[in-house]
Protein backbone atom coordinates (compact mmCIF):
# COMPACT_ATOMS: atom_id res chain seq x y z
CA UNK A 1 13.78 -63.37 20.40
CA UNK A 2 11.25 -60.46 19.82
CA UNK A 3 8.92 -60.85 16.78
CA UNK A 4 10.14 -58.31 13.88
CA UNK A 5 7.23 -57.34 12.00
CA UNK A 6 6.96 -56.43 8.76
CA UNK A 7 6.36 -52.10 8.30
CA UNK A 8 7.72 -49.17 6.51
CA UNK A 9 8.23 -45.08 6.68
CA UNK A 10 6.13 -43.55 4.08
CA UNK A 11 5.82 -39.43 3.20
CA UNK A 12 2.96 -38.76 1.65
CA UNK A 13 3.56 -36.40 -1.94
CA UNK A 14 1.85 -33.49 -2.97
CA UNK A 15 1.24 -33.19 -6.68
CA UNK A 16 2.77 -30.13 -8.40
CA UNK A 17 -0.23 -27.30 -7.71
CA UNK A 18 -0.46 -24.67 -9.71
CA UNK A 19 -0.96 -22.18 -6.85
CA UNK A 20 -1.96 -19.12 -9.36
CA UNK A 21 -0.47 -15.61 -11.28
CA UNK A 22 1.12 -12.84 -9.92
CA UNK A 23 -0.25 -9.96 -12.26
CA UNK A 24 3.34 -8.26 -13.45
CA UNK A 25 1.48 -4.94 -13.98
CA UNK A 26 0.15 -4.81 -10.05
CA UNK A 27 3.31 -6.16 -8.87
CA UNK A 28 5.54 -3.34 -10.38
CA UNK A 29 3.69 -0.73 -9.37
CA UNK A 30 3.72 -2.11 -5.48
CA UNK A 31 5.92 -2.11 -2.25
CA UNK A 32 6.43 -5.11 0.17
CA UNK A 33 3.09 -5.54 2.33
CA UNK A 34 2.13 -2.79 4.50
CA UNK A 35 1.25 -3.78 8.20
CA UNK A 36 -2.44 -3.49 7.75
CA UNK A 37 -2.17 -5.80 4.78
CA UNK A 38 -0.11 -8.61 6.32
CA UNK A 39 -3.69 -10.82 6.50
CA UNK A 40 -4.07 -13.70 4.52
CA UNK A 41 -7.06 -12.78 3.00
CA UNK A 42 -6.17 -9.64 2.25
CA UNK A 43 -3.09 -10.42 0.34
CA UNK A 44 -4.83 -13.54 -1.94
CA UNK A 45 -7.36 -10.72 -3.24
CA UNK A 46 -4.97 -8.63 -4.35
CA UNK A 47 -3.55 -9.14 -8.58
CA UNK A 48 -0.23 -9.28 -7.07
CA UNK A 49 -0.95 -12.29 -4.70
CA UNK A 50 -1.75 -15.88 -4.65
CA UNK A 51 -2.46 -18.52 -1.98
CA UNK A 52 -2.84 -21.95 -1.22
CA UNK A 53 -4.37 -23.85 1.71
CA UNK A 54 -2.18 -27.13 2.10
CA UNK A 55 -2.95 -30.22 4.13
CA UNK A 56 -2.00 -30.52 7.79
CA UNK A 57 0.16 -33.24 7.89
CA UNK A 58 2.23 -31.82 5.12
CA UNK A 59 5.67 -29.82 6.38
CA UNK A 60 8.34 -29.22 3.54
CA UNK A 61 7.37 -27.33 0.74
CA UNK A 62 8.77 -26.62 -2.85
CA UNK A 63 7.67 -24.25 -4.89
CA UNK A 64 9.30 -23.14 -8.25
CA UNK A 65 8.15 -19.75 -10.39
CA UNK A 66 7.48 -19.18 -13.90
CA UNK A 67 7.79 -16.45 -15.99
CA UNK A 68 7.81 -15.46 -19.46
CA UNK A 69 10.71 -14.80 -20.95
CA UNK A 70 14.71 -15.41 -20.31
CA UNK A 71 16.59 -13.14 -17.52
CA UNK A 72 12.93 -11.59 -16.73
CA UNK A 73 13.47 -10.82 -12.74
CA UNK A 74 10.48 -10.98 -10.18
CA UNK A 75 10.33 -10.16 -6.49
CA UNK A 76 8.15 -11.94 -4.80
CA UNK A 77 7.72 -12.38 -0.54
CA UNK A 78 6.63 -15.45 0.58
CA UNK A 79 3.86 -15.75 3.52
CA UNK A 80 2.46 -18.16 6.07
CA UNK A 81 -0.05 -18.52 8.42
CA UNK A 82 -2.03 -21.09 10.55
CA UNK A 83 -5.74 -22.51 9.62
CA UNK A 84 -7.97 -20.20 12.05
CA UNK A 85 -5.39 -17.40 11.92
CA UNK A 86 -5.08 -14.86 9.27
CA UNK A 87 -2.04 -13.08 10.56
CA UNK A 88 0.77 -13.57 8.17
CA UNK A 89 4.27 -14.17 8.78
CA UNK A 90 7.42 -13.96 6.64
CA UNK A 91 9.42 -16.74 5.17
CA UNK A 92 11.44 -14.85 3.54
CA UNK A 93 11.54 -12.90 0.00
CA UNK A 94 13.50 -14.33 -3.14
CA UNK A 95 14.43 -12.14 -5.81
CA UNK A 96 14.07 -14.58 -9.11
CA UNK A 97 15.98 -14.79 -12.34
CA UNK A 98 14.59 -16.82 -15.27
CA UNK A 99 16.59 -19.23 -17.10
CA UNK A 100 16.05 -21.11 -20.40
CA UNK A 101 14.39 -24.32 -19.12
CA UNK A 102 10.99 -24.29 -21.22
CA UNK A 103 7.60 -25.73 -18.86
CA UNK A 104 5.51 -28.11 -20.62
CA UNK A 105 3.50 -24.88 -21.41
CA UNK A 106 5.96 -22.53 -22.78
CA UNK A 107 6.95 -20.43 -19.73
CA UNK A 108 10.72 -20.20 -18.35
CA UNK A 109 11.41 -21.57 -15.00
CA UNK A 110 13.54 -19.61 -12.50
CA UNK A 111 16.73 -21.46 -12.35
CA UNK A 112 18.39 -18.24 -10.10
CA UNK A 113 16.77 -17.43 -6.89
CA UNK A 114 18.46 -15.03 -4.07
CA UNK A 115 16.23 -15.38 -0.92
CA UNK A 116 16.53 -12.58 1.65
CA UNK A 117 14.31 -11.55 4.78
CA UNK A 118 14.57 -15.35 5.92
CA UNK A 119 16.03 -14.33 9.84
CA UNK A 120 12.41 -14.43 11.21
CA UNK A 121 11.61 -17.75 9.76
CA UNK A 122 12.51 -20.91 12.26
CA UNK A 123 13.89 -23.17 9.72
CA UNK A 124 16.30 -21.15 6.85
CA UNK A 125 14.29 -21.02 3.45
CA UNK A 126 16.66 -22.15 0.50
CA UNK A 127 16.73 -22.07 -3.58
CA UNK A 128 17.95 -25.25 -4.67
CA UNK A 129 19.39 -25.48 -8.46
CA UNK A 130 21.65 -27.88 -10.11
CA UNK A 131 22.80 -24.95 -12.45
CA UNK A 132 22.02 -22.39 -15.06
CA UNK A 133 18.84 -23.20 -17.11
CA UNK A 134 17.50 -25.43 -14.93
CA UNK A 135 14.22 -25.74 -13.16
CA UNK A 136 14.84 -24.08 -9.43
CA UNK A 137 13.05 -25.00 -6.34
CA UNK A 138 12.64 -22.49 -2.79
CA UNK A 139 12.13 -25.73 -0.28
CA UNK A 140 11.34 -24.48 3.14
CA UNK A 141 9.62 -26.38 6.13
CA UNK A 142 6.16 -24.83 6.53
CA UNK A 143 6.70 -25.19 10.79
CA UNK A 144 2.89 -25.88 10.94
CA UNK A 145 1.63 -22.90 9.16
CA UNK A 146 -0.90 -24.71 6.15
CA UNK A 147 -1.96 -21.71 4.64
CA UNK A 148 1.52 -20.48 1.99
CA UNK A 149 1.18 -16.83 0.20
CA UNK A 150 2.94 -14.69 -1.85
CA UNK A 151 3.48 -11.34 -2.68
CA UNK A 152 4.52 -9.64 -6.16
CA UNK A 153 6.28 -6.21 -5.29
CA UNK A 154 9.02 -3.67 -6.62
CA UNK A 155 10.50 -5.33 -9.75
CA UNK A 156 8.47 -7.42 -12.19
CA UNK A 157 9.27 -8.16 -15.81
CA UNK A 158 6.68 -10.14 -16.73
CA UNK A 159 3.55 -12.17 -15.17
CA UNK A 160 4.81 -14.89 -12.50
CA UNK A 161 3.09 -18.27 -12.15
CA UNK A 162 3.66 -19.87 -8.85
CA UNK A 163 3.60 -23.68 -8.00
CA UNK A 164 4.18 -25.63 -5.15
CA UNK A 165 4.23 -29.07 -3.82
CA UNK A 166 4.95 -30.31 -0.60
CA UNK A 167 5.98 -34.05 1.59
């Protein structure tokens, strides 16, 4: 009989990182990124763009969004690229609405998220939430990309704080 060794499978989890704040005034006055702006360095330099580099071995991302007040709206495009390649690929666009779940710093978590423009991403991003007035999260497979960026545009009622975790 073969010897059985004690082994375990584990998944490393990232802590929750504050990616940054998307400025509502800049976002409200802007449209989707133009083809000449779809570079990681360009997007994160905008007042209505934020980004983060996650470790290479992290593939699943969970993003949450905080706004100032209940029923505040925001439209955010989620982009990704690989380190060493500044060219962004659209993961999805998400239309957000804040609920009543208050964060420890006094903001309201988005509890409604409508995902669109996700057909070009290999694995479909999903909005997950238990019910109204709970914290919702955007969950997606990074598909080998380790630079994730967020661009706010079109409709923005208040600044939007973006947070990310992963596994």
